[in-house]
């Protein structure tokens, strides 16, 4: 009788296990999309005065062809990132993979334009209110772009290893919230702390993702530890450069021609 009961129950148990197996990746995908949307909201709020709503708010500095192009390409990349995360939630993994090459090309263009914009701004003496002087502040965008480039490059290298790929891509997106966070700090009265908050908020987003991993899967995936190491290097490097050591200033003068 016991054997018969066990056999009768086994299909139900197998069915429940199958449902649980299917739901776990879907829950993860929903979490990733939520974090992407939160990060996107930070980016929009930060750049609303100087880009998205500039025609209404008229915040400095004036937009040039370079900053317009950079803003449009950056926005396109953010929208594509949201689309990619949404496709995974919808179970359309094939479309996600097909758009991957577009994302890689768009990211490359964004990196090139971001570096050009940062160097041009430093050469012209532009920096957010309360930030270190422009040549020292140049460290923040250059280090952030470098960190994002490292993580995206590692994610693309691991495109066939989904657990690594999705976590590295998400961490790279957290880094890109930095400029938005720094700009949000200005009207809130924290302009002098804006640069530090830019890194701290990115780190907090990563901590949230790591905590989710630990609670959901019982451990923090190694991809997040790799990302955490990159974040620490960025934070330390930024603080070092903001101290305006001769080595950094020599580099800044060389790349900007200022």
C-alpha atoms as a PDB file:
ATOM      1  CA  UNK A   1       0.000   0.000   0.000  1.00  0.00           C
ATOM      2  CA  UNK A   2       2.821   2.377   0.845  1.00  0.00           C
ATOM      3  CA  UNK A   3       4.481   1.760  -2.525  1.00  0.00           C
ATOM      4  CA  UNK A   4       1.194   2.407  -4.307  1.00  0.00           C
ATOM      5  CA  UNK A   5       0.681   5.627  -2.366  1.00  0.00           C
ATOM      6  CA  UNK A   6       4.194   6.794  -3.134  1.00  0.00           C
ATOM      7  CA  UNK A   7       3.720   6.083  -6.825  1.00  0.00           C
ATOM      8  CA  UNK A   8       0.412   7.908  -6.792  1.00  0.00           C
ATOM      9  CA  UNK A   9       1.973  10.928  -5.100  1.00  0.00           C
ATOM     10  CA  UNK A  10       5.106  11.043  -7.223  1.00  0.00           C
ATOM     11  CA  UNK A  11       3.508  12.668 -10.316  1.00  0.00           C
ATOM     12  CA  UNK A  12       2.124  15.445  -8.132  1.00  0.00           C
ATOM     13  CA  UNK A  13       5.463  15.980  -6.474  1.00  0.00           C
ATOM     14  CA  UNK A  14       7.141  15.958  -9.874  1.00  0.00           C
ATOM     15  CA  UNK A  15       4.609  18.458 -11.149  1.00  0.00           C
ATOM     16  CA  UNK A  16       5.243  20.798  -8.209  1.00  0.00           C
ATOM     17  CA  UNK A  17       8.992  20.502  -8.733  1.00  0.00           C
ATOM     18  CA  UNK A  18       8.606  21.347 -12.417  1.00  0.00           C
ATOM     19  CA  UNK A  19       6.523  24.420 -11.618  1.00  0.00           C
ATOM     20  CA  UNK A  20       9.074  25.557  -9.033  1.00  0.00           C
ATOM     21  CA  UNK A  21      11.885  25.050 -11.524  1.00  0.00           C
ATOM     22  CA  UNK A  22      10.078  27.189 -14.076  1.00  0.00           C
ATOM     23  CA  UNK A  23       9.107  29.905 -11.610  1.00  0.00           C
ATOM     24  CA  UNK A  24      12.619  30.473 -10.202  1.00  0.00           C
ATOM     25  CA  UNK A  25      14.120  31.938 -13.407  1.00  0.00           C
ATOM     26  CA  UNK A  26      10.944  33.958 -13.976  1.00  0.00           C
ATOM     27  CA  UNK A  27      11.162  35.447 -10.471  1.00  0.00           C
ATOM     28  CA  UNK A  28      14.804  36.315 -11.119  1.00  0.00           C
ATOM     29  CA  UNK A  29      13.897  37.960 -14.418  1.00  0.00           C
ATOM     30  CA  UNK A  30      11.233  40.079 -12.735  1.00  0.00           C
ATOM     31  CA  UNK A  31      13.739  41.159 -10.093  1.00  0.00           C
ATOM     32  CA  UNK A  32      16.303  42.131 -12.739  1.00  0.00           C
ATOM     33  CA  UNK A  33      13.693  44.136 -14.640  1.00  0.00           C
ATOM     34  CA  UNK A  34      12.673  45.919 -11.431  1.00  0.00           C
ATOM     35  CA  UNK A  35      16.286  46.880 -10.704  1.00  0.00           C
ATOM     36  CA  UNK A  36      16.753  48.056 -14.297  1.00  0.00           C
ATOM     37  CA  UNK A  37      13.660  50.247 -14.039  1.00  0.00           C
ATOM     38  CA  UNK A  38      14.825  51.728 -10.728  1.00  0.00           C
ATOM     39  CA  UNK A  39      18.235  52.490 -12.225  1.00  0.00           C
ATOM     40  CA  UNK A  40      16.617  53.998 -15.332  1.00  0.00           C
ATOM     41  CA  UNK A  41      14.445  56.241 -13.132  1.00  0.00           C
ATOM     42  CA  UNK A  42      17.591  57.518 -11.372  1.00  0.00           C
ATOM     43  CA  UNK A  43      19.206  58.265 -14.723  1.00  0.00           C
ATOM     44  CA  UNK A  44      16.126  60.099 -16.020  1.00  0.00           C
ATOM     45  CA  UNK A  45      15.670  62.136 -12.837  1.00  0.00           C
ATOM     46  CA  UNK A  46      19.317  63.157 -12.838  1.00  0.00           C
ATOM     47  CA  UNK A  47      19.448  64.222 -16.474  1.00  0.00           C
ATOM     48  CA  UNK A  48      15.950  65.706 -16.703  1.00  0.00           C
ATOM     49  CA  UNK A  49      17.053  69.309 -15.983  1.00  0.00           C
ATOM     50  CA  UNK A  50      20.117  69.284 -18.256  1.00  0.00           C
ATOM     51  CA  UNK A  51      18.824  67.076 -21.086  1.00  0.00           C
ATOM     52  CA  UNK A  52      15.352  65.492 -21.105  1.00  0.00           C
ATOM     53  CA  UNK A  53      13.493  68.582 -19.831  1.00  0.00           C
ATOM     54  CA  UNK A  54      16.086  71.179 -20.756  1.00  0.00           C
ATOM     55  CA  UNK A  55      13.648  73.119 -22.950  1.00  0.00           C
ATOM     56  CA  UNK A  56      11.556  73.691 -19.819  1.00  0.00           C
ATOM     57  CA  UNK A  57      14.166  73.968 -17.054  1.00  0.00           C
ATOM     58  CA  UNK A  58      17.085  75.484 -19.040  1.00  0.00           C
ATOM     59  CA  UNK A  59      19.772  74.078 -16.740  1.00  0.00           C
ATOM     60  CA  UNK A  60      23.438  74.709 -17.698  1.00  0.00           C
ATOM     61  CA  UNK A  61      25.642  73.914 -19.503  1.00  0.00           C
ATOM     62  CA  UNK A  62      24.342  74.495 -23.045  1.00  0.00           C
ATOM     63  CA  UNK A  63      23.900  71.429 -25.233  1.00  0.00           C
ATOM     64  CA  UNK A  64      26.295  70.939 -28.112  1.00  0.00           C
ATOM     65  CA  UNK A  65      26.147  68.511 -31.027  1.00  0.00           C
ATOM     66  CA  UNK A  66      28.421  66.179 -29.047  1.00  0.00           C
ATOM     67  CA  UNK A  67      26.299  66.250 -25.878  1.00  0.00           C
ATOM     68  CA  UNK A  68      23.083  65.894 -27.912  1.00  0.00           C
ATOM     69  CA  UNK A  69      24.476  62.863 -29.707  1.00  0.00           C
ATOM     70  CA  UNK A  70      25.801  61.331 -26.508  1.00  0.00           C
ATOM     71  CA  UNK A  71      22.458  61.879 -24.764  1.00  0.00           C
ATOM     72  CA  UNK A  72      20.472  60.316 -27.596  1.00  0.00           C
ATOM     73  CA  UNK A  73      22.754  57.271 -27.890  1.00  0.00           C
ATOM     74  CA  UNK A  74      22.849  56.832 -24.111  1.00  0.00           C
ATOM     75  CA  UNK A  75      19.040  57.022 -23.966  1.00  0.00           C
ATOM     76  CA  UNK A  76      18.807  54.476 -26.764  1.00  0.00           C
ATOM     77  CA  UNK A  77      21.049  52.111 -24.818  1.00  0.00           C
ATOM     78  CA  UNK A  78      18.950  52.524 -21.649  1.00  0.00           C
ATOM     79  CA  UNK A  79      15.740  51.818 -23.574  1.00  0.00           C
ATOM     80  CA  UNK A  80      17.317  48.782 -25.202  1.00  0.00           C
ATOM     81  CA  UNK A  81      18.449  47.540 -21.795  1.00  0.00           C
ATOM     82  CA  UNK A  82      14.878  47.828 -20.509  1.00  0.00           C
ATOM     83  CA  UNK A  83      13.623  46.045 -23.612  1.00  0.00           C
ATOM     84  CA  UNK A  84      16.119  43.224 -23.173  1.00  0.00           C
ATOM     85  CA  UNK A  85      15.127  42.699 -19.541  1.00  0.00           C
ATOM     86  CA  UNK A  86      11.440  42.801 -20.493  1.00  0.00           C
ATOM     87  CA  UNK A  87      11.939  40.163 -23.184  1.00  0.00           C
ATOM     88  CA  UNK A  88      13.370  37.752 -20.632  1.00  0.00           C
ATOM     89  CA  UNK A  89      10.379  38.310 -18.343  1.00  0.00           C
ATOM     90  CA  UNK A  90       8.085  37.610 -21.309  1.00  0.00           C
ATOM     91  CA  UNK A  91       9.989  34.423 -22.067  1.00  0.00           C
ATOM     92  CA  UNK A  92      11.144  35.679 -25.475  1.00  0.00           C
ATOM     93  CA  UNK A  93      14.769  34.647 -25.026  1.00  0.00           C
ATOM     94  CA  UNK A  94      15.386  34.267 -28.755  1.00  0.00           C
ATOM     95  CA  UNK A  95      14.517  37.916 -29.405  1.00  0.00           C
ATOM     96  CA  UNK A  96      16.729  38.881 -26.465  1.00  0.00           C
ATOM     97  CA  UNK A  97      19.699  37.109 -28.048  1.00  0.00           C
ATOM     98  CA  UNK A  98      18.998  38.619 -31.467  1.00  0.00           C
ATOM     99  CA  UNK A  99      19.034  42.131 -30.014  1.00  0.00           C
ATOM    100  CA  UNK A 100      22.267  41.409 -28.175  1.00  0.00           C
ATOM    101  CA  UNK A 101      24.468  42.385 -31.119  1.00  0.00           C
ATOM    102  CA  UNK A 102      22.598  45.685 -31.420  1.00  0.00           C
ATOM    103  CA  UNK A 103      23.201  46.316 -27.721  1.00  0.00           C
ATOM    104  CA  UNK A 104      26.919  45.599 -28.073  1.00  0.00           C
ATOM    105  CA  UNK A 105      27.244  48.050 -30.981  1.00  0.00           C
ATOM    106  CA  UNK A 106      25.192  50.701 -29.180  1.00  0.00           C
ATOM    107  CA  UNK A 107      27.247  50.270 -26.030  1.00  0.00           C
ATOM    108  CA  UNK A 108      30.469  50.718 -27.995  1.00  0.00           C
ATOM    109  CA  UNK A 109      29.152  53.957 -29.495  1.00  0.00           C
ATOM    110  CA  UNK A 110      28.019  55.143 -26.063  1.00  0.00           C
ATOM    111  CA  UNK A 111      31.448  54.485 -24.552  1.00  0.00           C
ATOM    112  CA  UNK A 112      33.218  56.400 -27.325  1.00  0.00           C
ATOM    113  CA  UNK A 113      30.841  59.355 -27.056  1.00  0.00           C
ATOM    114  CA  UNK A 114      30.948  59.272 -23.252  1.00  0.00           C
ATOM    115  CA  UNK A 115      34.732  59.496 -23.186  1.00  0.00           C
ATOM    116  CA  UNK A 116      34.717  62.306 -25.750  1.00  0.00           C
ATOM    117  CA  UNK A 117      32.047  64.212 -23.812  1.00  0.00           C
ATOM    118  CA  UNK A 118      33.878  63.828 -20.493  1.00  0.00           C
ATOM    119  CA  UNK A 119      37.200  65.002 -21.921  1.00  0.00           C
ATOM    120  CA  UNK A 120      35.590  67.931 -23.742  1.00  0.00           C
ATOM    121  CA  UNK A 121      33.725  69.025 -20.600  1.00  0.00           C
ATOM    122  CA  UNK A 122      36.925  68.923 -18.556  1.00  0.00           C
ATOM    123  CA  UNK A 123      38.785  70.919 -21.197  1.00  0.00           C
ATOM    124  CA  UNK A 124      36.039  73.568 -21.203  1.00  0.00           C
ATOM    125  CA  UNK A 125      36.035  73.726 -17.407  1.00  0.00           C
ATOM    126  CA  UNK A 126      32.596  72.181 -16.884  1.00  0.00           C
ATOM    127  CA  UNK A 127      31.826  70.249 -13.692  1.00  0.00           C
ATOM    128  CA  UNK A 128      28.696  69.879 -11.545  1.00  0.00           C
ATOM    129  CA  UNK A 129      28.256  72.396  -8.712  1.00  0.00           C
ATOM    130  CA  UNK A 130      30.145  71.361  -5.603  1.00  0.00           C
ATOM    131  CA  UNK A 131      32.287  68.848  -7.500  1.00  0.00           C
ATOM    132  CA  UNK A 132      36.085  68.921  -7.509  1.00  0.00           C
ATOM    133  CA  UNK A 133      37.670  71.103 -10.167  1.00  0.00           C
ATOM    134  CA  UNK A 134      37.011  69.833 -13.708  1.00  0.00           C
ATOM    135  CA  UNK A 135      40.335  68.062 -14.315  1.00  0.00           C
ATOM    136  CA  UNK A 136      40.024  66.161 -11.036  1.00  0.00           C
ATOM    137  CA  UNK A 137      36.314  65.462 -11.615  1.00  0.00           C
ATOM    138  CA  UNK A 138      37.215  63.906 -14.966  1.00  0.00           C
ATOM    139  CA  UNK A 139      38.151  60.797 -12.972  1.00  0.00           C
ATOM    140  CA  UNK A 140      34.495  60.006 -12.188  1.00  0.00           C
ATOM    141  CA  UNK A 141      33.163  59.620 -15.748  1.00  0.00           C
ATOM    142  CA  UNK A 142      36.346  58.006 -17.066  1.00  0.00           C
ATOM    143  CA  UNK A 143      36.539  55.456 -14.246  1.00  0.00           C
ATOM    144  CA  UNK A 144      32.794  54.753 -14.431  1.00  0.00           C
ATOM    145  CA  UNK A 145      32.956  54.159 -18.178  1.00  0.00           C
ATOM    146  CA  UNK A 146      36.013  51.933 -17.739  1.00  0.00           C
ATOM    147  CA  UNK A 147      34.258  49.912 -15.033  1.00  0.00           C
ATOM    148  CA  UNK A 148      31.130  49.493 -17.143  1.00  0.00           C
ATOM    149  CA  UNK A 149      33.285  48.491 -20.114  1.00  0.00           C
ATOM    150  CA  UNK A 150      35.025  45.803 -18.056  1.00  0.00           C
ATOM    151  CA  UNK A 151      31.744  44.360 -16.789  1.00  0.00           C
ATOM    152  CA  UNK A 152      29.965  44.462 -20.152  1.00  0.00           C
ATOM    153  CA  UNK A 153      33.006  42.915 -21.814  1.00  0.00           C
ATOM    154  CA  UNK A 154      33.003  40.112 -19.238  1.00  0.00           C
ATOM    155  CA  UNK A 155      29.239  39.666 -19.706  1.00  0.00           C
ATOM    156  CA  UNK A 156      29.577  39.361 -23.472  1.00  0.00           C
ATOM    157  CA  UNK A 157      32.429  36.894 -23.037  1.00  0.00           C
ATOM    158  CA  UNK A 158      30.070  34.815 -20.867  1.00  0.00           C
ATOM    159  CA  UNK A 159      26.987  35.215 -23.068  1.00  0.00           C
ATOM    160  CA  UNK A 160      26.412  31.465 -23.067  1.00  0.00           C
ATOM    161  CA  UNK A 161      26.609  31.297 -19.275  1.00  0.00           C
ATOM    162  CA  UNK A 162      23.351  32.952 -18.306  1.00  0.00           C
ATOM    163  CA  UNK A 163      23.982  33.185 -14.525  1.00  0.00           C
ATOM    164  CA  UNK A 164      27.188  35.140 -15.187  1.00  0.00           C
ATOM    165  CA  UNK A 165      25.932  37.144 -18.158  1.00  0.00           C
ATOM    166  CA  UNK A 166      22.796  38.577 -16.597  1.00  0.00           C
ATOM    167  CA  UNK A 167      24.446  39.515 -13.298  1.00  0.00           C
ATOM    168  CA  UNK A 168      27.436  41.213 -14.917  1.00  0.00           C
ATOM    169  CA  UNK A 169      25.165  43.166 -17.263  1.00  0.00           C
ATOM    170  CA  UNK A 170      22.973  44.286 -14.371  1.00  0.00           C
ATOM    171  CA  UNK A 171      26.012  45.403 -12.376  1.00  0.00           C
ATOM    172  CA  UNK A 172      27.287  47.399 -15.360  1.00  0.00           C
ATOM    173  CA  UNK A 173      23.944  49.186 -15.512  1.00  0.00           C
ATOM    174  CA  UNK A 174      24.242  50.120 -11.837  1.00  0.00           C
ATOM    175  CA  UNK A 175      27.504  51.903 -12.599  1.00  0.00           C
ATOM    176  CA  UNK A 176      25.790  54.018 -15.237  1.00  0.00           C
ATOM    177  CA  UNK A 177      23.433  55.475 -12.611  1.00  0.00           C
ATOM    178  CA  UNK A 178      26.348  57.422 -11.135  1.00  0.00           C
ATOM    179  CA  UNK A 179      26.071  60.600 -13.231  1.00  0.00           C
ATOM    180  CA  UNK A 180      22.317  60.707 -12.634  1.00  0.00           C
ATOM    181  CA  UNK A 181      22.718  60.317  -8.861  1.00  0.00           C
ATOM    182  CA  UNK A 182      25.326  63.083  -8.740  1.00  0.00           C
ATOM    183  CA  UNK A 183      22.968  65.466 -10.512  1.00  0.00           C
ATOM    184  CA  UNK A 184      20.010  64.563  -8.292  1.00  0.00           C
ATOM    185  CA  UNK A 185      22.111  65.567  -5.286  1.00  0.00           C
ATOM    186  CA  UNK A 186      22.435  69.157  -6.536  1.00  0.00           C
ATOM    187  CA  UNK A 187      18.841  70.411  -6.074  1.00  0.00           C
ATOM    188  CA  UNK A 188      18.549  68.376  -2.868  1.00  0.00           C
ATOM    189  CA  UNK A 189      21.329  70.447  -1.308  1.00  0.00           C
ATOM    190  CA  UNK A 190      24.007  67.750  -1.350  1.00  0.00           C
ATOM    191  CA  UNK A 191      26.056  69.090  -4.263  1.00  0.00           C
ATOM    192  CA  UNK A 192      29.423  68.797  -2.450  1.00  0.00           C
ATOM    193  CA  UNK A 193      28.675  65.131  -1.711  1.00  0.00           C
ATOM    194  CA  UNK A 194      27.255  64.399  -5.180  1.00  0.00           C
ATOM    195  CA  UNK A 195      30.332  62.622  -6.519  1.00  0.00           C
ATOM    196  CA  UNK A 196      30.600  60.356  -3.478  1.00  0.00           C
ATOM    197  CA  UNK A 197      26.851  59.645  -3.550  1.00  0.00           C
ATOM    198  CA  UNK A 198      27.150  58.667  -7.216  1.00  0.00           C
ATOM    199  CA  UNK A 199      29.398  55.757  -6.304  1.00  0.00           C
ATOM    200  CA  UNK A 200      27.629  54.893  -3.036  1.00  0.00           C
ATOM    201  CA  UNK A 201      24.187  54.580  -4.659  1.00  0.00           C
ATOM    202  CA  UNK A 202      25.639  52.319  -7.357  1.00  0.00           C
ATOM    203  CA  UNK A 203      27.190  50.183  -4.643  1.00  0.00           C
ATOM    204  CA  UNK A 204      23.901  50.048  -2.717  1.00  0.00           C
ATOM    205  CA  UNK A 205      22.085  48.823  -5.830  1.00  0.00           C
ATOM    206  CA  UNK A 206      24.678  46.068  -6.144  1.00  0.00           C
ATOM    207  CA  UNK A 207      24.242  45.174  -2.471  1.00  0.00           C
ATOM    208  CA  UNK A 208      20.483  44.839  -3.007  1.00  0.00           C
ATOM    209  CA  UNK A 209      21.116  42.447  -5.900  1.00  0.00           C
ATOM    210  CA  UNK A 210      23.569  40.435  -3.800  1.00  0.00           C
ATOM    211  CA  UNK A 211      21.104  40.209  -0.918  1.00  0.00           C
ATOM    212  CA  UNK A 212      18.401  39.012  -3.328  1.00  0.00           C
ATOM    213  CA  UNK A 213      20.773  36.322  -4.600  1.00  0.00           C
ATOM    214  CA  UNK A 214      21.555  35.190  -1.072  1.00  0.00           C
ATOM    215  CA  UNK A 215      17.907  35.073   0.004  1.00  0.00           C
ATOM    216  CA  UNK A 216      16.641  33.475  -3.210  1.00  0.00           C
ATOM    217  CA  UNK A 217      19.458  31.035  -3.997  1.00  0.00           C
ATOM    218  CA  UNK A 218      21.218  30.607  -0.660  1.00  0.00           C
ATOM    219  CA  UNK A 219      24.453  32.183  -1.863  1.00  0.00           C
ATOM    220  CA  UNK A 220      25.816  35.198  -3.696  1.00  0.00           C
ATOM    221  CA  UNK A 221      26.882  34.325  -7.224  1.00  0.00           C
ATOM    222  CA  UNK A 222      30.555  34.838  -8.023  1.00  0.00           C
ATOM    223  CA  UNK A 223      29.670  37.277 -10.791  1.00  0.00           C
ATOM    224  CA  UNK A 224      28.496  39.752  -8.156  1.00  0.00           C
ATOM    225  CA  UNK A 225      31.752  39.384  -6.241  1.00  0.00           C
ATOM    226  CA  UNK A 226      33.641  40.197  -9.442  1.00  0.00           C
ATOM    227  CA  UNK A 227      31.417  43.251  -9.872  1.00  0.00           C
ATOM    228  CA  UNK A 228      31.975  44.232  -6.225  1.00  0.00           C
ATOM    229  CA  UNK A 229      35.742  44.156  -6.788  1.00  0.00           C
ATOM    230  CA  UNK A 230      35.331  46.465  -9.800  1.00  0.00           C
ATOM    231  CA  UNK A 231      33.172  48.832  -7.724  1.00  0.00           C
ATOM    232  CA  UNK A 232      35.786  48.992  -4.964  1.00  0.00           C
ATOM    233  CA  UNK A 233      38.518  49.829  -7.468  1.00  0.00           C
ATOM    234  CA  UNK A 234      36.316  52.573  -8.927  1.00  0.00           C
ATOM    235  CA  UNK A 235      35.582  54.062  -5.515  1.00  0.00           C
ATOM    236  CA  UNK A 236      39.206  54.005  -4.377  1.00  0.00           C
ATOM    237  CA  UNK A 237      40.417  55.347  -7.729  1.00  0.00           C
ATOM    238  CA  UNK A 238      37.909  58.190  -7.678  1.00  0.00           C
ATOM    239  CA  UNK A 239      38.823  59.258  -4.138  1.00  0.00           C
ATOM    240  CA  UNK A 240      42.497  59.123  -5.036  1.00  0.00           C
ATOM    241  CA  UNK A 241      42.022  61.261  -8.143  1.00  0.00           C
ATOM    242  CA  UNK A 242      39.791  63.745  -6.322  1.00  0.00           C
ATOM    243  CA  UNK A 243      42.751  64.401  -4.040  1.00  0.00           C
ATOM    244  CA  UNK A 244      44.369  65.868  -7.191  1.00  0.00           C
ATOM    245  CA  UNK A 245      47.688  63.993  -6.999  1.00  0.00           C
ATOM    246  CA  UNK A 246      50.298  65.119  -9.492  1.00  0.00           C
ATOM    247  CA  UNK A 247      50.119  61.818 -11.389  1.00  0.00           C
ATOM    248  CA  UNK A 248      46.384  62.147 -12.090  1.00  0.00           C
ATOM    249  CA  UNK A 249      46.615  65.841 -12.963  1.00  0.00           C
ATOM    250  CA  UNK A 250      49.434  65.130 -15.401  1.00  0.00           C
ATOM    251  CA  UNK A 251      47.217  62.504 -17.052  1.00  0.00           C
ATOM    252  CA  UNK A 252      44.208  64.823 -17.120  1.00  0.00           C
ATOM    253  CA  UNK A 253      46.227  67.615 -18.689  1.00  0.00           C
ATOM    254  CA  UNK A 254      47.593  65.185 -21.286  1.00  0.00           C
ATOM    255  CA  UNK A 255      44.206  63.799 -22.390  1.00  0.00           C
ATOM    256  CA  UNK A 256      42.409  67.138 -22.414  1.00  0.00           C
ATOM    257  CA  UNK A 257      45.202  69.333 -23.733  1.00  0.00           C
ATOM    258  CA  UNK A 258      44.245  71.878 -21.074  1.00  0.00           C
END
